[in-house]
Amino acid sequence: MSTPTLKYRNQPTTKLEDLRHDGAQRILGIDPGLRVTGFGVIAVNGPRLAYVASGIIRIPNGALPERLSVLFEQLAHVMAQYEPVAAAVEQVFVHRNPSSALKLGHARGAAICACARAGLAVAEYTPRRIKQALVGTGNADKHQVQYMVQSLLRLQGNLQVDAADALATAVCHAHEQRFDCAWAGEKLIS
């Protein structure tokens, strides 16, 4: 079994070490798929965000149970390596093919189970909500979302689409937590 592929390495301008010493906590974002699953890990400390890692998990062809097992195990490896405290997963978007949506739902289930097994709180967001949180409109295209991910996390270069979507999901969760805490009069995780 191979380890998840880190397709994007970056040296962000916000130094992770600066956040680590201030009690930053990590959020894992997941863009589930049965062929390719994207993951992204960010560090959050109050309003500050920092890029930790992102990549993709390529799932080999085969029977559905084996594919789901590979996804589960690879995500468990990612969580063991980066030690997030929370996870955010993109919800299924049913467009034209209900069969594809059902299969994607299986991948989401494996991802959510892996997170639950690791003891993480799991949040779920629709693609529209993720786009609203990052770009300000739920009708944004992938290029706009990718641009905002790179801007917010101070990344340079091109991100793999699935990894960018996973990072966007993690950033959306960080924004949602900040909003929820502000509404309740609480302090954000730190």
N, C-alpha and C. Protein backbone atom coordinates (compact mmCIF):
# COMPACT_ATOMS: atom_id res chain seq x y z
N MET A 1 0.84 -1.17 0.00
CA MET A 1 0.00 0.00 0.00
C MET A 1 0.89 1.24 0.00
N SER A 2 0.56 2.18 -0.84
CA SER A 2 1.37 3.39 -0.93
C SER A 2 0.82 4.46 0.01
N THR A 3 1.65 5.44 0.28
CA THR A 3 1.22 6.55 1.12
C THR A 3 0.55 7.58 0.23
N PRO A 4 -0.25 8.48 0.80
CA PRO A 4 -0.92 9.50 0.00
C PRO A 4 0.11 10.35 -0.75
N THR A 5 -0.28 10.76 -1.93
CA THR A 5 0.60 11.55 -2.77
C THR A 5 0.50 13.02 -2.39
N LEU A 6 1.62 13.61 -2.02
CA LEU A 6 1.66 15.04 -1.78
C LEU A 6 2.03 15.68 -3.11
N LYS A 7 1.02 16.20 -3.80
CA LYS A 7 1.24 16.75 -5.13
C LYS A 7 1.63 18.22 -5.07
N TYR A 8 1.55 18.83 -3.91
CA TYR A 8 1.81 20.26 -3.83
C TYR A 8 2.59 20.52 -2.55
N ARG A 9 3.76 21.01 -2.70
CA ARG A 9 4.56 21.42 -1.55
C ARG A 9 4.79 22.91 -1.70
N ASN A 10 4.74 23.61 -0.62
CA ASN A 10 4.84 25.05 -0.71
C ASN A 10 5.54 25.60 0.52
N GLN A 11 6.08 26.75 0.37
CA GLN A 11 6.67 27.48 1.49
C GLN A 11 5.83 28.74 1.69
N PRO A 12 4.74 28.64 2.45
CA PRO A 12 3.87 29.79 2.64
C PRO A 12 4.58 30.88 3.42
N THR A 13 4.10 32.12 3.25
CA THR A 13 4.74 33.24 3.93
C THR A 13 4.37 33.30 5.41
N THR A 14 3.20 32.76 5.80
CA THR A 14 2.89 32.64 7.21
C THR A 14 3.58 31.38 7.70
N LYS A 15 4.52 31.53 8.59
CA LYS A 15 5.29 30.37 9.02
C LYS A 15 4.48 29.52 9.99
N LEU A 16 4.41 28.25 9.68
CA LEU A 16 3.69 27.31 10.53
C LEU A 16 4.26 27.32 11.93
N GLU A 17 5.57 27.46 12.05
CA GLU A 17 6.20 27.45 13.37
C GLU A 17 5.67 28.60 14.23
N ASP A 18 5.38 29.74 13.60
CA ASP A 18 4.82 30.87 14.35
C ASP A 18 3.48 30.52 14.96
N LEU A 19 2.65 29.79 14.21
CA LEU A 19 1.34 29.40 14.72
C LEU A 19 1.44 28.26 15.73
N ARG A 20 2.38 27.35 15.50
CA ARG A 20 2.50 26.19 16.38
C ARG A 20 2.79 26.61 17.81
N HIS A 21 3.61 27.61 17.99
CA HIS A 21 3.97 28.04 19.34
C HIS A 21 2.83 28.80 20.02
N ASP A 22 1.88 29.25 19.24
CA ASP A 22 0.76 30.00 19.79
C ASP A 22 -0.47 29.12 20.04
N GLY A 23 -0.33 27.81 19.99
CA GLY A 23 -1.45 26.92 20.27
C GLY A 23 -2.37 26.70 19.08
N ALA A 24 -1.84 26.79 17.87
CA ALA A 24 -2.67 26.56 16.69
C ALA A 24 -3.15 25.12 16.65
N GLN A 25 -4.33 24.95 16.08
CA GLN A 25 -4.88 23.61 15.93
C GLN A 25 -5.13 23.35 14.45
N ARG A 26 -5.08 22.10 14.07
CA ARG A 26 -5.16 21.73 12.67
C ARG A 26 -6.54 21.23 12.27
N ILE A 27 -6.93 21.61 11.06
CA ILE A 27 -8.19 21.16 10.47
C ILE A 27 -7.86 20.41 9.20
N LEU A 28 -8.46 19.23 9.04
CA LEU A 28 -8.31 18.43 7.84
C LEU A 28 -9.53 18.64 6.96
N GLY A 29 -9.31 19.06 5.72
CA GLY A 29 -10.39 19.17 4.74
C GLY A 29 -10.30 18.00 3.79
N ILE A 30 -11.45 17.45 3.41
CA ILE A 30 -11.48 16.29 2.52
C ILE A 30 -12.45 16.54 1.37
N ASP A 31 -11.96 16.31 0.15
CA ASP A 31 -12.79 16.34 -1.05
C ASP A 31 -12.87 14.89 -1.53
N PRO A 32 -13.92 14.15 -1.11
CA PRO A 32 -13.95 12.71 -1.36
C PRO A 32 -14.24 12.34 -2.81
N GLY A 33 -13.67 11.22 -3.21
CA GLY A 33 -13.91 10.66 -4.53
C GLY A 33 -13.47 9.21 -4.54
N LEU A 34 -14.03 8.43 -5.46
CA LEU A 34 -13.66 7.01 -5.53
C LEU A 34 -12.42 6.78 -6.38
N ARG A 35 -12.05 7.73 -7.21
CA ARG A 35 -10.81 7.62 -7.99
C ARG A 35 -9.71 8.45 -7.37
N VAL A 36 -10.04 9.69 -7.03
CA VAL A 36 -9.08 10.60 -6.42
C VAL A 36 -9.78 11.33 -5.29
N THR A 37 -9.17 11.30 -4.12
CA THR A 37 -9.67 12.05 -2.97
C THR A 37 -8.61 13.09 -2.61
N GLY A 38 -9.05 14.33 -2.50
CA GLY A 38 -8.14 15.39 -2.11
C GLY A 38 -8.16 15.58 -0.61
N PHE A 39 -7.00 15.95 -0.05
CA PHE A 39 -6.97 16.31 1.36
C PHE A 39 -6.14 17.57 1.52
N GLY A 40 -6.48 18.35 2.54
CA GLY A 40 -5.74 19.56 2.85
C GLY A 40 -5.76 19.78 4.34
N VAL A 41 -4.62 20.17 4.88
CA VAL A 41 -4.51 20.41 6.32
C VAL A 41 -4.05 21.86 6.51
N ILE A 42 -4.78 22.57 7.36
CA ILE A 42 -4.40 23.95 7.69
C ILE A 42 -4.26 24.06 9.20
N ALA A 43 -3.49 25.04 9.63
CA ALA A 43 -3.37 25.37 11.06
C ALA A 43 -4.17 26.64 11.30
N VAL A 44 -4.90 26.66 12.40
CA VAL A 44 -5.77 27.79 12.73
C VAL A 44 -5.43 28.27 14.13
N ASN A 45 -5.24 29.57 14.25
CA ASN A 45 -5.05 30.19 15.55
C ASN A 45 -5.75 31.54 15.51
N GLY A 46 -6.93 31.59 16.11
CA GLY A 46 -7.72 32.81 16.04
C GLY A 46 -8.03 33.10 14.58
N PRO A 47 -7.76 34.31 14.12
CA PRO A 47 -8.05 34.64 12.72
C PRO A 47 -6.96 34.21 11.75
N ARG A 48 -5.86 33.69 12.26
CA ARG A 48 -4.73 33.35 11.39
C ARG A 48 -4.84 31.91 10.88
N LEU A 49 -4.56 31.77 9.59
CA LEU A 49 -4.56 30.47 8.93
C LEU A 49 -3.18 30.23 8.35
N ALA A 50 -2.73 28.99 8.36
CA ALA A 50 -1.47 28.64 7.73
C ALA A 50 -1.60 27.29 7.04
N TYR A 51 -0.97 27.18 5.90
CA TYR A 51 -0.93 25.94 5.14
C TYR A 51 -0.02 24.95 5.85
N VAL A 52 -0.47 23.70 5.99
CA VAL A 52 0.34 22.63 6.56
C VAL A 52 0.72 21.65 5.46
N ALA A 53 -0.29 21.07 4.78
CA ALA A 53 -0.02 20.09 3.74
C ALA A 53 -1.27 19.90 2.90
N SER A 54 -1.08 19.37 1.71
CA SER A 54 -2.21 18.98 0.88
C SER A 54 -1.72 17.93 -0.11
N GLY A 55 -2.66 17.21 -0.65
CA GLY A 55 -2.30 16.19 -1.62
C GLY A 55 -3.52 15.43 -2.07
N ILE A 56 -3.24 14.32 -2.75
CA ILE A 56 -4.33 13.49 -3.25
C ILE A 56 -4.06 12.04 -2.87
N ILE A 57 -5.13 11.30 -2.79
CA ILE A 57 -5.07 9.86 -2.59
C ILE A 57 -5.65 9.24 -3.85
N ARG A 58 -4.82 8.55 -4.59
CA ARG A 58 -5.28 7.85 -5.80
C ARG A 58 -5.75 6.46 -5.38
N ILE A 59 -6.96 6.14 -5.78
CA ILE A 59 -7.56 4.87 -5.38
C ILE A 59 -7.56 3.95 -6.60
N PRO A 60 -6.93 2.79 -6.49
CA PRO A 60 -6.85 1.89 -7.65
C PRO A 60 -8.21 1.30 -8.01
N ASN A 61 -8.33 0.89 -9.27
CA ASN A 61 -9.55 0.22 -9.71
C ASN A 61 -9.69 -1.10 -8.97
N GLY A 62 -10.91 -1.56 -8.86
CA GLY A 62 -11.17 -2.82 -8.19
C GLY A 62 -12.58 -2.83 -7.65
N ALA A 63 -12.84 -3.81 -6.83
CA ALA A 63 -14.17 -3.92 -6.20
C ALA A 63 -14.37 -2.78 -5.21
N LEU A 64 -15.60 -2.35 -5.08
CA LEU A 64 -15.93 -1.21 -4.23
C LEU A 64 -15.44 -1.37 -2.78
N PRO A 65 -15.64 -2.51 -2.13
CA PRO A 65 -15.18 -2.63 -0.75
C PRO A 65 -13.67 -2.42 -0.60
N GLU A 66 -12.89 -2.94 -1.55
CA GLU A 66 -11.43 -2.77 -1.47
C GLU A 66 -11.04 -1.31 -1.69
N ARG A 67 -11.73 -0.65 -2.61
CA ARG A 67 -11.44 0.77 -2.87
C ARG A 67 -11.75 1.62 -1.64
N LEU A 68 -12.88 1.32 -0.99
CA LEU A 68 -13.24 2.07 0.21
C LEU A 68 -12.25 1.81 1.34
N SER A 69 -11.77 0.57 1.42
CA SER A 69 -10.77 0.23 2.43
C SER A 69 -9.48 1.01 2.22
N VAL A 70 -9.05 1.12 0.96
CA VAL A 70 -7.84 1.90 0.64
C VAL A 70 -8.03 3.34 1.06
N LEU A 71 -9.18 3.92 0.73
CA LEU A 71 -9.46 5.31 1.11
C LEU A 71 -9.42 5.48 2.62
N PHE A 72 -10.09 4.58 3.34
CA PHE A 72 -10.11 4.63 4.80
C PHE A 72 -8.70 4.58 5.37
N GLU A 73 -7.90 3.63 4.91
CA GLU A 73 -6.54 3.45 5.44
C GLU A 73 -5.63 4.63 5.11
N GLN A 74 -5.75 5.16 3.89
CA GLN A 74 -4.90 6.28 3.50
C GLN A 74 -5.26 7.54 4.28
N LEU A 75 -6.54 7.76 4.50
CA LEU A 75 -6.93 8.92 5.32
C LEU A 75 -6.48 8.74 6.77
N ALA A 76 -6.52 7.52 7.27
CA ALA A 76 -6.01 7.26 8.62
C ALA A 76 -4.53 7.60 8.69
N HIS A 77 -3.80 7.29 7.63
CA HIS A 77 -2.37 7.62 7.57
C HIS A 77 -2.17 9.14 7.59
N VAL A 78 -2.96 9.87 6.82
CA VAL A 78 -2.88 11.34 6.79
C VAL A 78 -3.15 11.91 8.18
N MET A 79 -4.18 11.40 8.84
CA MET A 79 -4.52 11.91 10.17
C MET A 79 -3.44 11.60 11.20
N ALA A 80 -2.84 10.42 11.11
CA ALA A 80 -1.75 10.08 12.02
C ALA A 80 -0.54 10.97 11.79
N GLN A 81 -0.29 11.31 10.55
CA GLN A 81 0.88 12.13 10.22
C GLN A 81 0.70 13.60 10.62
N TYR A 82 -0.49 14.17 10.39
CA TYR A 82 -0.68 15.61 10.59
C TYR A 82 -1.46 15.98 11.85
N GLU A 83 -2.06 15.02 12.51
CA GLU A 83 -2.74 15.19 13.80
C GLU A 83 -3.74 16.36 13.84
N PRO A 84 -4.74 16.33 12.96
CA PRO A 84 -5.77 17.36 13.03
C PRO A 84 -6.67 17.15 14.24
N VAL A 85 -7.37 18.21 14.65
CA VAL A 85 -8.32 18.11 15.76
C VAL A 85 -9.76 18.11 15.26
N ALA A 86 -9.95 18.46 14.00
CA ALA A 86 -11.28 18.49 13.40
C ALA A 86 -11.16 18.19 11.92
N ALA A 87 -12.26 17.77 11.34
CA ALA A 87 -12.29 17.48 9.91
C ALA A 87 -13.54 18.10 9.29
N ALA A 88 -13.41 18.46 8.03
CA ALA A 88 -14.53 18.98 7.26
C ALA A 88 -14.57 18.23 5.93
N VAL A 89 -15.77 17.77 5.57
CA VAL A 89 -15.94 16.96 4.37
C VAL A 89 -16.97 17.63 3.47
N GLU A 90 -16.65 17.66 2.18
CA GLU A 90 -17.60 18.22 1.21
C GLU A 90 -18.76 17.26 1.03
N GLN A 91 -19.97 17.80 1.03
CA GLN A 91 -21.16 16.97 0.85
C GLN A 91 -21.35 16.59 -0.61
N VAL A 92 -22.17 15.57 -0.84
CA VAL A 92 -22.44 15.09 -2.19
C VAL A 92 -23.28 16.12 -2.93
N PHE A 93 -22.88 16.35 -4.17
CA PHE A 93 -23.62 17.22 -5.06
C PHE A 93 -24.19 16.35 -6.17
N VAL A 94 -25.50 16.20 -6.21
CA VAL A 94 -26.15 15.38 -7.24
C VAL A 94 -26.42 16.27 -8.43
N HIS A 95 -25.78 15.97 -9.55
CA HIS A 95 -25.95 16.79 -10.74
C HIS A 95 -26.87 16.08 -11.73
N ARG A 96 -26.33 15.13 -12.43
CA ARG A 96 -27.13 14.44 -13.44
C ARG A 96 -27.22 12.94 -13.20
N ASN A 97 -26.20 12.37 -12.59
CA ASN A 97 -26.12 10.92 -12.51
C ASN A 97 -26.29 10.44 -11.07
N PRO A 98 -27.47 9.97 -10.70
CA PRO A 98 -27.69 9.49 -9.33
C PRO A 98 -26.76 8.34 -8.94
N SER A 99 -26.40 7.48 -9.90
CA SER A 99 -25.51 6.37 -9.61
C SER A 99 -24.13 6.89 -9.16
N SER A 100 -23.63 7.90 -9.85
CA SER A 100 -22.34 8.49 -9.46
C SER A 100 -22.44 9.13 -8.08
N ALA A 101 -23.55 9.79 -7.80
CA ALA A 101 -23.73 10.41 -6.49
C ALA A 101 -23.76 9.35 -5.39
N LEU A 102 -24.38 8.22 -5.66
CA LEU A 102 -24.44 7.14 -4.68
C LEU A 102 -23.03 6.60 -4.40
N LYS A 103 -22.24 6.39 -5.46
CA LYS A 103 -20.87 5.91 -5.29
C LYS A 103 -20.03 6.93 -4.54
N LEU A 104 -20.22 8.20 -4.85
CA LEU A 104 -19.50 9.25 -4.13
C LEU A 104 -19.90 9.26 -2.66
N GLY A 105 -21.18 8.95 -2.40
CA GLY A 105 -21.64 8.85 -1.02
C GLY A 105 -20.91 7.76 -0.24
N HIS A 106 -20.58 6.67 -0.91
CA HIS A 106 -19.79 5.61 -0.27
C HIS A 106 -18.41 6.13 0.11
N ALA A 107 -17.79 6.89 -0.78
CA ALA A 107 -16.46 7.45 -0.51
C ALA A 107 -16.53 8.43 0.67
N ARG A 108 -17.58 9.24 0.69
CA ARG A 108 -17.77 10.17 1.82
C ARG A 108 -17.93 9.39 3.12
N GLY A 109 -18.69 8.30 3.05
CA GLY A 109 -18.89 7.48 4.24
C GLY A 109 -17.59 6.91 4.78
N ALA A 110 -16.72 6.43 3.87
CA ALA A 110 -15.42 5.91 4.29
C ALA A 110 -14.58 7.02 4.91
N ALA A 111 -14.64 8.21 4.32
CA ALA A 111 -13.87 9.34 4.85
C ALA A 111 -14.38 9.75 6.23
N ILE A 112 -15.68 9.83 6.37
CA ILE A 112 -16.26 10.22 7.66
C ILE A 112 -15.97 9.17 8.72
N CYS A 113 -16.05 7.90 8.35
CA CYS A 113 -15.73 6.83 9.31
C CYS A 113 -14.26 6.89 9.75
N ALA A 114 -13.37 7.16 8.82
CA ALA A 114 -11.95 7.28 9.17
C ALA A 114 -11.74 8.41 10.17
N CYS A 115 -12.42 9.53 9.93
CA CYS A 115 -12.31 10.68 10.85
C CYS A 115 -12.91 10.35 12.21
N ALA A 116 -14.07 9.72 12.22
CA ALA A 116 -14.72 9.36 13.47
C ALA A 116 -13.86 8.36 14.25
N ARG A 117 -13.26 7.42 13.53
CA ARG A 117 -12.40 6.42 14.17
C ARG A 117 -11.19 7.08 14.84
N ALA A 118 -10.73 8.19 14.24
CA ALA A 118 -9.59 8.93 14.80
C ALA A 118 -10.03 9.88 15.92
N GLY A 119 -11.32 9.94 16.20
CA GLY A 119 -11.82 10.78 17.28
C GLY A 119 -12.03 12.23 16.90
N LEU A 120 -12.11 12.52 15.60
CA LEU A 120 -12.28 13.90 15.15
C LEU A 120 -13.76 14.27 15.07
N ALA A 121 -14.05 15.50 15.39
CA ALA A 121 -15.37 16.04 15.11
C ALA A 121 -15.41 16.28 13.60
N VAL A 122 -16.52 15.92 12.96
CA VAL A 122 -16.62 16.03 11.51
C VAL A 122 -17.75 16.99 11.16
N ALA A 123 -17.42 17.99 10.35
CA ALA A 123 -18.41 18.93 9.83
C ALA A 123 -18.58 18.65 8.35
N GLU A 124 -19.77 18.91 7.84
CA GLU A 124 -20.05 18.70 6.42
C GLU A 124 -20.56 20.00 5.82
N TYR A 125 -20.08 20.31 4.62
CA TYR A 125 -20.47 21.55 3.94
C TYR A 125 -20.81 21.26 2.49
N THR A 126 -21.83 21.94 2.00
CA THR A 126 -22.19 21.81 0.59
C THR A 126 -21.16 22.58 -0.25
N PRO A 127 -21.00 22.20 -1.51
CA PRO A 127 -20.10 22.97 -2.37
C PRO A 127 -20.49 24.44 -2.42
N ARG A 128 -21.78 24.72 -2.43
CA ARG A 128 -22.25 26.11 -2.47
C ARG A 128 -21.80 26.88 -1.22
N ARG A 129 -21.91 26.26 -0.05
CA ARG A 129 -21.51 26.92 1.20
C ARG A 129 -20.00 27.17 1.22
N ILE A 130 -19.23 26.22 0.72
CA ILE A 130 -17.77 26.38 0.67
C ILE A 130 -17.42 27.56 -0.23
N LYS A 131 -18.06 27.64 -1.38
CA LYS A 131 -17.81 28.76 -2.31
C LYS A 131 -18.20 30.09 -1.68
N GLN A 132 -19.32 30.13 -0.98
CA GLN A 132 -19.75 31.36 -0.31
C GLN A 132 -18.74 31.79 0.74
N ALA A 133 -18.22 30.83 1.50
CA ALA A 133 -17.28 31.16 2.57
C ALA A 133 -15.97 31.70 2.03
N LEU A 134 -15.54 31.23 0.87
CA LEU A 134 -14.25 31.65 0.33
C LEU A 134 -14.34 32.81 -0.65
N VAL A 135 -15.33 32.77 -1.52
CA VAL A 135 -15.40 33.76 -2.60
C VAL A 135 -16.48 34.80 -2.35
N GLY A 136 -17.50 34.44 -1.58
CA GLY A 136 -18.58 35.38 -1.32
C GLY A 136 -19.82 35.09 -2.13
N THR A 137 -19.74 34.14 -3.05
CA THR A 137 -20.89 33.74 -3.84
C THR A 137 -20.87 32.23 -4.03
N GLY A 138 -22.04 31.63 -3.95
CA GLY A 138 -22.15 30.19 -4.12
C GLY A 138 -22.03 29.73 -5.55
N ASN A 139 -21.99 30.69 -6.48
CA ASN A 139 -21.89 30.35 -7.90
C ASN A 139 -20.48 30.50 -8.44
N ALA A 140 -19.50 30.63 -7.57
CA ALA A 140 -18.11 30.81 -8.01
C ALA A 140 -17.63 29.57 -8.75
N ASP A 141 -16.71 29.78 -9.70
CA ASP A 141 -16.15 28.62 -10.40
C ASP A 141 -14.90 28.13 -9.68
N LYS A 142 -14.39 26.99 -10.12
CA LYS A 142 -13.24 26.36 -9.45
C LYS A 142 -12.01 27.26 -9.46
N HIS A 143 -11.83 28.04 -10.52
CA HIS A 143 -10.66 28.92 -10.60
C HIS A 143 -10.72 30.01 -9.53
N GLN A 144 -11.92 30.54 -9.28
CA GLN A 144 -12.08 31.56 -8.25
C GLN A 144 -11.80 30.99 -6.86
N VAL A 145 -12.30 29.79 -6.62
CA VAL A 145 -12.07 29.13 -5.33
C VAL A 145 -10.58 28.86 -5.15
N GLN A 146 -9.95 28.35 -6.19
CA GLN A 146 -8.52 28.06 -6.13
C GLN A 146 -7.71 29.33 -5.87
N TYR A 147 -8.08 30.42 -6.52
CA TYR A 147 -7.39 31.70 -6.31
C TYR A 147 -7.52 32.14 -4.85
N MET A 148 -8.72 32.03 -4.28
CA MET A 148 -8.92 32.46 -2.90
C MET A 148 -8.18 31.56 -1.92
N VAL A 149 -8.12 30.26 -2.18
CA VAL A 149 -7.34 29.35 -1.33
C VAL A 149 -5.89 29.79 -1.33
N GLN A 150 -5.35 30.04 -2.52
CA GLN A 150 -3.95 30.46 -2.63
C GLN A 150 -3.72 31.80 -1.95
N SER A 151 -4.67 32.70 -2.08
CA SER A 151 -4.54 34.02 -1.47
C SER A 151 -4.63 33.95 0.06
N LEU A 152 -5.63 33.25 0.57
CA LEU A 152 -5.83 33.17 2.03
C LEU A 152 -4.69 32.43 2.73
N LEU A 153 -4.14 31.41 2.05
CA LEU A 153 -3.07 30.62 2.66
C LEU A 153 -1.69 31.07 2.18
N ARG A 154 -1.67 32.12 1.38
CA ARG A 154 -0.41 32.69 0.86
C ARG A 154 0.44 31.66 0.13
N LEU A 155 -0.20 30.95 -0.78
CA LEU A 155 0.48 29.91 -1.55
C LEU A 155 0.82 30.44 -2.94
N GLN A 156 1.87 29.92 -3.50
CA GLN A 156 2.24 30.27 -4.87
C GLN A 156 2.25 29.01 -5.71
N GLY A 157 2.09 29.15 -7.00
CA GLY A 157 2.09 27.99 -7.88
C GLY A 157 0.70 27.43 -8.04
N ASN A 158 0.62 26.33 -8.76
CA ASN A 158 -0.67 25.70 -9.04
C ASN A 158 -0.97 24.58 -8.05
N LEU A 159 -2.18 24.60 -7.56
CA LEU A 159 -2.66 23.53 -6.70
C LEU A 159 -3.40 22.51 -7.55
N GLN A 160 -3.30 21.25 -7.19
CA GLN A 160 -4.12 20.21 -7.81
C GLN A 160 -5.57 20.51 -7.43
N VAL A 161 -6.49 20.33 -8.37
CA VAL A 161 -7.89 20.70 -8.16
C VAL A 161 -8.48 20.03 -6.92
N ASP A 162 -8.27 18.73 -6.75
CA ASP A 162 -8.84 18.03 -5.60
C ASP A 162 -8.23 18.50 -4.29
N ALA A 163 -6.95 18.79 -4.29
CA ALA A 163 -6.29 19.30 -3.08
C ALA A 163 -6.79 20.71 -2.76
N ALA A 164 -6.97 21.53 -3.79
CA ALA A 164 -7.49 22.89 -3.59
C ALA A 164 -8.90 22.85 -3.00
N ASP A 165 -9.74 21.93 -3.51
CA ASP A 165 -11.10 21.79 -2.97
C ASP A 165 -11.07 21.35 -1.50
N ALA A 166 -10.15 20.47 -1.17
CA ALA A 166 -10.03 20.01 0.22
C ALA A 166 -9.56 21.16 1.12
N LEU A 167 -8.58 21.93 0.67
CA LEU A 167 -8.13 23.10 1.45
C LEU A 167 -9.26 24.11 1.60
N ALA A 168 -10.05 24.29 0.55
CA ALA A 168 -11.20 25.20 0.63
C ALA A 168 -12.19 24.73 1.67
N THR A 169 -12.41 23.43 1.75
CA THR A 169 -13.32 22.87 2.75
C THR A 169 -12.79 23.13 4.16
N ALA A 170 -11.49 22.98 4.36
CA ALA A 170 -10.88 23.25 5.67
C ALA A 170 -10.99 24.73 6.02
N VAL A 171 -10.74 25.61 5.06
CA VAL A 171 -10.83 27.06 5.30
C VAL A 171 -12.28 27.43 5.60
N CYS A 172 -13.23 26.85 4.89
CA CYS A 172 -14.65 27.09 5.17
C CYS A 172 -14.98 26.73 6.61
N HIS A 173 -14.47 25.58 7.06
CA HIS A 173 -14.73 25.16 8.44
C HIS A 173 -14.11 26.14 9.44
N ALA A 174 -12.91 26.61 9.16
CA ALA A 174 -12.28 27.60 10.04
C ALA A 174 -13.12 28.87 10.11
N HIS A 175 -13.63 29.32 8.96
CA HIS A 175 -14.49 30.51 8.95
C HIS A 175 -15.79 30.27 9.70
N GLU A 176 -16.38 29.10 9.52
CA GLU A 176 -17.63 28.78 10.22
C GLU A 176 -17.41 28.74 11.73
N GLN A 177 -16.30 28.17 12.16
CA GLN A 177 -16.00 28.13 13.60
C GLN A 177 -15.84 29.54 14.14
N ARG A 178 -15.14 30.38 13.39
CA ARG A 178 -14.92 31.76 13.83
C ARG A 178 -16.26 32.48 13.97
N PHE A 179 -17.15 32.29 12.98
CA PHE A 179 -18.46 32.92 13.02
C PHE A 179 -19.28 32.39 14.18
N ASP A 180 -19.30 31.06 14.36
CA ASP A 180 -20.07 30.47 15.45
C ASP A 180 -19.58 30.94 16.81
N CYS A 181 -18.26 31.03 16.97
CA CYS A 181 -17.69 31.47 18.24
C CYS A 181 -17.99 32.94 18.50
N ALA A 182 -17.91 33.75 17.46
CA ALA A 182 -18.20 35.17 17.60
C ALA A 182 -19.67 35.37 17.96
N TRP A 183 -20.54 34.60 17.34
CA TRP A 183 -21.97 34.69 17.61
C TRP A 183 -22.27 34.30 19.05
N ALA A 184 -21.57 33.28 19.56
CA ALA A 184 -21.80 32.80 20.92
C ALA A 184 -20.99 33.58 21.96
N GLY A 185 -20.13 34.48 21.51
CA GLY A 185 -19.31 35.26 22.43
C GLY A 185 -18.15 34.46 23.01
N GLU A 186 -17.74 33.40 22.29
CA GLU A 186 -16.65 32.54 22.78
C GLU A 186 -15.36 32.87 22.03
N LYS A 187 -14.28 32.34 22.57
CA LYS A 187 -12.98 32.47 21.92
C LYS A 187 -12.79 31.31 20.94
N LEU A 188 -12.22 31.63 19.78
CA LEU A 188 -11.94 30.62 18.77
C LEU A 188 -10.87 29.67 19.28
N ILE A 189 -10.84 28.45 18.75
CA ILE A 189 -9.86 27.47 19.18
C ILE A 189 -8.47 28.06 19.17
N SER A 190 -7.79 27.88 20.25
CA SER A 190 -6.38 28.27 20.36
C SER A 190 -5.90 27.92 21.74
